[in-house]
Amino acid sequence: MDRIVQRVFVGLAIMLLVGLAVAGTNDMERREPGGSEERGPANRPFKINAAGQIDLSTGAIMFGGVASHLGLYTANGFLNPSDFSILGTIEAANGDTLNFVAFFTIGPLGELEAAFNIDGGTGRFADAVGTAAGPVTLDSDFSFVIRATGNLGY
């Protein structure tokens, strides 16, 4: 059974790499503060620590943890099988949300890295934009841990 799980993981990792090579990542436009009538969101350092699980039967992703500007949070998303990105929402304890798309890359030694693009949300994060990236530890049961850093404007 462990060999089957390992083969599924390797197959998913290869398909993810191929999908990313074809699709690339989307660059987010940032609004720069000052210089225009409409002032953009302030850019702040952002850290997110996550632990979660992937349900391969449904493509659902669930995780939670602690993040700067959010505190304790929960998150849900769905795996897009065409490019193996994840589209989802992070919800802070007070109900404010951040919308994200996560992309993944595989390094030369098989290491996995997540890159989050954040665009909008609700509450104080309605105009949020940002990015964060960091390593992913993925276990054979498809549980994972992510530690990402970047910037968040809101």
Protein backbone atom coordinates (compact mmCIF):
# COMPACT_ATOMS: atom_id res chain seq x y z
CA MET A 1 0.00 0.00 0.00
CA ASP A 2 2.87 2.39 0.84
CA ARG A 3 4.35 1.86 -2.63
CA ILE A 4 1.02 2.79 -4.22
CA VAL A 5 0.86 6.01 -2.19
CA GLN A 6 4.47 6.80 -3.07
CA ARG A 7 3.77 6.21 -6.78
CA VAL A 8 0.67 8.41 -6.63
CA PHE A 9 2.69 11.14 -4.90
CA VAL A 10 5.52 10.93 -7.45
CA GLY A 11 2.98 10.98 -10.30
CA LEU A 12 1.24 14.03 -8.84
CA ALA A 13 4.57 15.79 -8.31
CA ILE A 14 5.60 15.16 -11.92
CA MET A 15 2.24 16.34 -13.25
CA LEU A 16 2.49 19.41 -11.02
CA LEU A 17 5.93 20.23 -12.38
CA VAL A 18 4.79 19.80 -16.00
CA GLY A 19 1.66 21.87 -15.33
CA LEU A 20 3.70 24.67 -13.82
CA ALA A 21 6.18 24.61 -16.67
CA VAL A 22 3.34 25.04 -19.15
CA ALA A 23 1.15 27.44 -17.18
CA GLY A 24 3.82 29.50 -15.40
CA THR A 25 2.86 31.70 -12.50
CA ASN A 26 0.74 34.80 -12.60
CA ASP A 27 2.40 38.06 -11.62
CA MET A 28 0.22 40.23 -9.43
CA GLU A 29 -0.08 43.94 -10.03
CA ARG A 30 0.65 46.03 -6.99
CA ARG A 31 -0.68 49.48 -6.35
CA GLU A 32 2.10 51.75 -5.18
CA PRO A 33 1.21 54.19 -2.39
CA GLY A 34 1.49 57.87 -3.16
CA GLY A 35 1.79 59.62 -6.48
CA SER A 36 -1.82 59.07 -7.50
CA GLU A 37 -5.23 60.15 -6.30
CA GLU A 38 -6.06 56.66 -5.05
CA ARG A 39 -3.66 55.44 -2.43
CA GLY A 40 -2.84 51.72 -2.50
CA PRO A 41 -2.68 49.40 0.49
CA ALA A 42 0.29 49.61 2.83
CA ASN A 43 2.79 46.82 2.20
CA ARG A 44 3.64 44.81 5.34
CA PRO A 45 5.78 41.73 6.07
CA PHE A 46 3.66 38.58 6.08
CA LYS A 47 4.31 35.12 7.55
CA ILE A 48 2.01 32.13 7.33
CA ASN A 49 2.49 28.79 9.06
CA ALA A 50 0.11 26.07 7.94
CA ALA A 51 -0.63 22.43 8.60
CA GLY A 52 -3.30 20.58 6.69
CA GLN A 53 -4.55 17.73 4.59
CA ILE A 54 -5.33 17.05 0.92
CA ASP A 55 -8.37 14.88 0.15
CA LEU A 56 -7.46 13.28 -3.18
CA SER A 57 -10.96 11.88 -3.68
CA THR A 58 -12.54 15.36 -3.79
CA GLY A 59 -9.57 17.68 -4.42
CA ALA A 60 -10.40 19.56 -1.20
CA ILE A 61 -7.56 21.17 0.73
CA MET A 62 -8.00 22.13 4.39
CA PHE A 63 -5.38 23.77 6.56
CA GLY A 64 -4.96 26.10 9.48
CA GLY A 65 -2.39 27.73 11.66
CA VAL A 66 -1.11 31.14 12.64
CA ALA A 67 -0.35 34.03 10.27
CA SER A 68 0.74 37.60 10.80
CA HIS A 69 -2.18 40.07 10.47
CA LEU A 70 -4.63 37.15 10.84
CA GLY A 71 -3.73 35.40 14.08
CA LEU A 72 -5.28 31.95 14.24
CA TYR A 73 -6.93 31.07 10.94
CA THR A 74 -8.55 28.27 8.98
CA ALA A 75 -8.41 27.83 5.23
CA ASN A 76 -10.15 25.83 2.54
CA GLY A 77 -9.44 25.40 -1.12
CA PHE A 78 -9.67 23.12 -4.11
CA LEU A 79 -6.97 21.57 -6.23
CA ASN A 80 -7.23 22.55 -9.91
CA PRO A 81 -6.24 19.36 -11.76
CA SER A 82 -5.32 21.21 -14.96
CA ASP A 83 -2.35 23.05 -13.42
CA PHE A 84 -2.27 21.70 -9.84
CA SER A 85 -2.82 25.15 -8.39
CA ILE A 86 -5.00 25.65 -5.35
CA LEU A 87 -7.73 28.29 -5.26
CA GLY A 88 -8.98 29.08 -1.78
CA THR A 89 -9.87 31.34 1.10
CA ILE A 90 -8.14 31.98 4.41
CA GLU A 91 -10.44 33.05 7.25
CA ALA A 92 -9.19 34.91 10.33
CA ALA A 93 -10.82 34.28 13.71
CA ASN A 94 -12.84 37.51 13.37
CA GLY A 95 -14.32 36.38 10.01
CA ASP A 96 -12.22 38.58 7.68
CA THR A 97 -10.97 36.59 4.68
CA LEU A 98 -8.11 36.58 2.17
CA ASN A 99 -8.48 35.04 -1.31
CA PHE A 100 -5.46 33.13 -2.57
CA VAL A 101 -4.10 31.05 -5.41
CA ALA A 102 -1.17 28.77 -4.56
CA PHE A 103 1.29 27.41 -7.10
CA PHE A 104 3.97 24.81 -6.47
CA THR A 105 7.44 24.17 -7.82
CA ILE A 106 9.73 21.20 -7.40
CA GLY A 107 13.42 21.90 -6.92
CA PRO A 108 16.33 19.95 -8.38
CA LEU A 109 16.57 17.74 -5.30
CA GLY A 110 12.81 17.07 -5.14
CA GLU A 111 12.07 19.79 -2.61
CA LEU A 112 8.59 21.31 -2.90
CA GLU A 113 7.90 25.03 -2.55
CA ALA A 114 4.57 26.87 -2.37
CA ALA A 115 3.98 30.37 -3.75
CA PHE A 116 0.83 32.17 -2.65
CA ASN A 117 -0.70 35.04 -4.60
CA ILE A 118 -3.23 36.98 -2.52
CA ASP A 119 -5.85 39.13 -4.18
CA GLY A 120 -8.74 40.60 -2.21
CA GLY A 121 -10.92 39.31 0.53
CA THR A 122 -13.46 40.68 2.97
CA GLY A 123 -13.41 43.08 5.91
CA ARG A 124 -10.08 44.83 6.35
CA PHE A 125 -8.63 42.59 3.61
CA ALA A 126 -11.11 43.67 0.89
CA ASP A 127 -8.31 45.37 -1.13
CA ALA A 128 -5.50 43.06 -0.04
CA VAL A 129 -2.69 42.13 -2.42
CA GLY A 130 0.42 40.17 -1.66
CA THR A 131 2.66 37.18 -2.12
CA ALA A 132 4.32 34.63 0.13
CA ALA A 133 6.54 31.64 -0.61
CA GLY A 134 8.18 28.88 1.34
CA PRO A 135 8.97 25.20 1.65
CA VAL A 136 6.34 22.46 1.84
CA THR A 137 6.73 19.20 3.71
CA LEU A 138 4.32 16.67 2.21
CA ASP A 139 3.84 13.29 3.87
CA SER A 140 2.76 10.07 2.16
CA ASP A 141 -0.76 10.43 3.62
CA PHE A 142 -1.01 13.87 1.90
CA SER A 143 -0.82 15.82 5.13
CA PHE A 144 1.46 18.85 4.79
CA VAL A 145 3.22 21.70 6.58
CA ILE A 146 4.02 25.05 4.91
CA ARG A 147 6.11 27.91 6.29
CA ALA A 148 5.91 30.89 3.93
CA THR A 149 7.02 34.52 4.13
CA GLY A 150 6.35 37.49 1.92
CA ASN A 151 4.45 40.79 1.90
CA LEU A 152 0.81 41.72 2.29
CA GLY A 153 -0.78 45.07 1.48
CA TYR A 154 -4.20 46.00 2.84
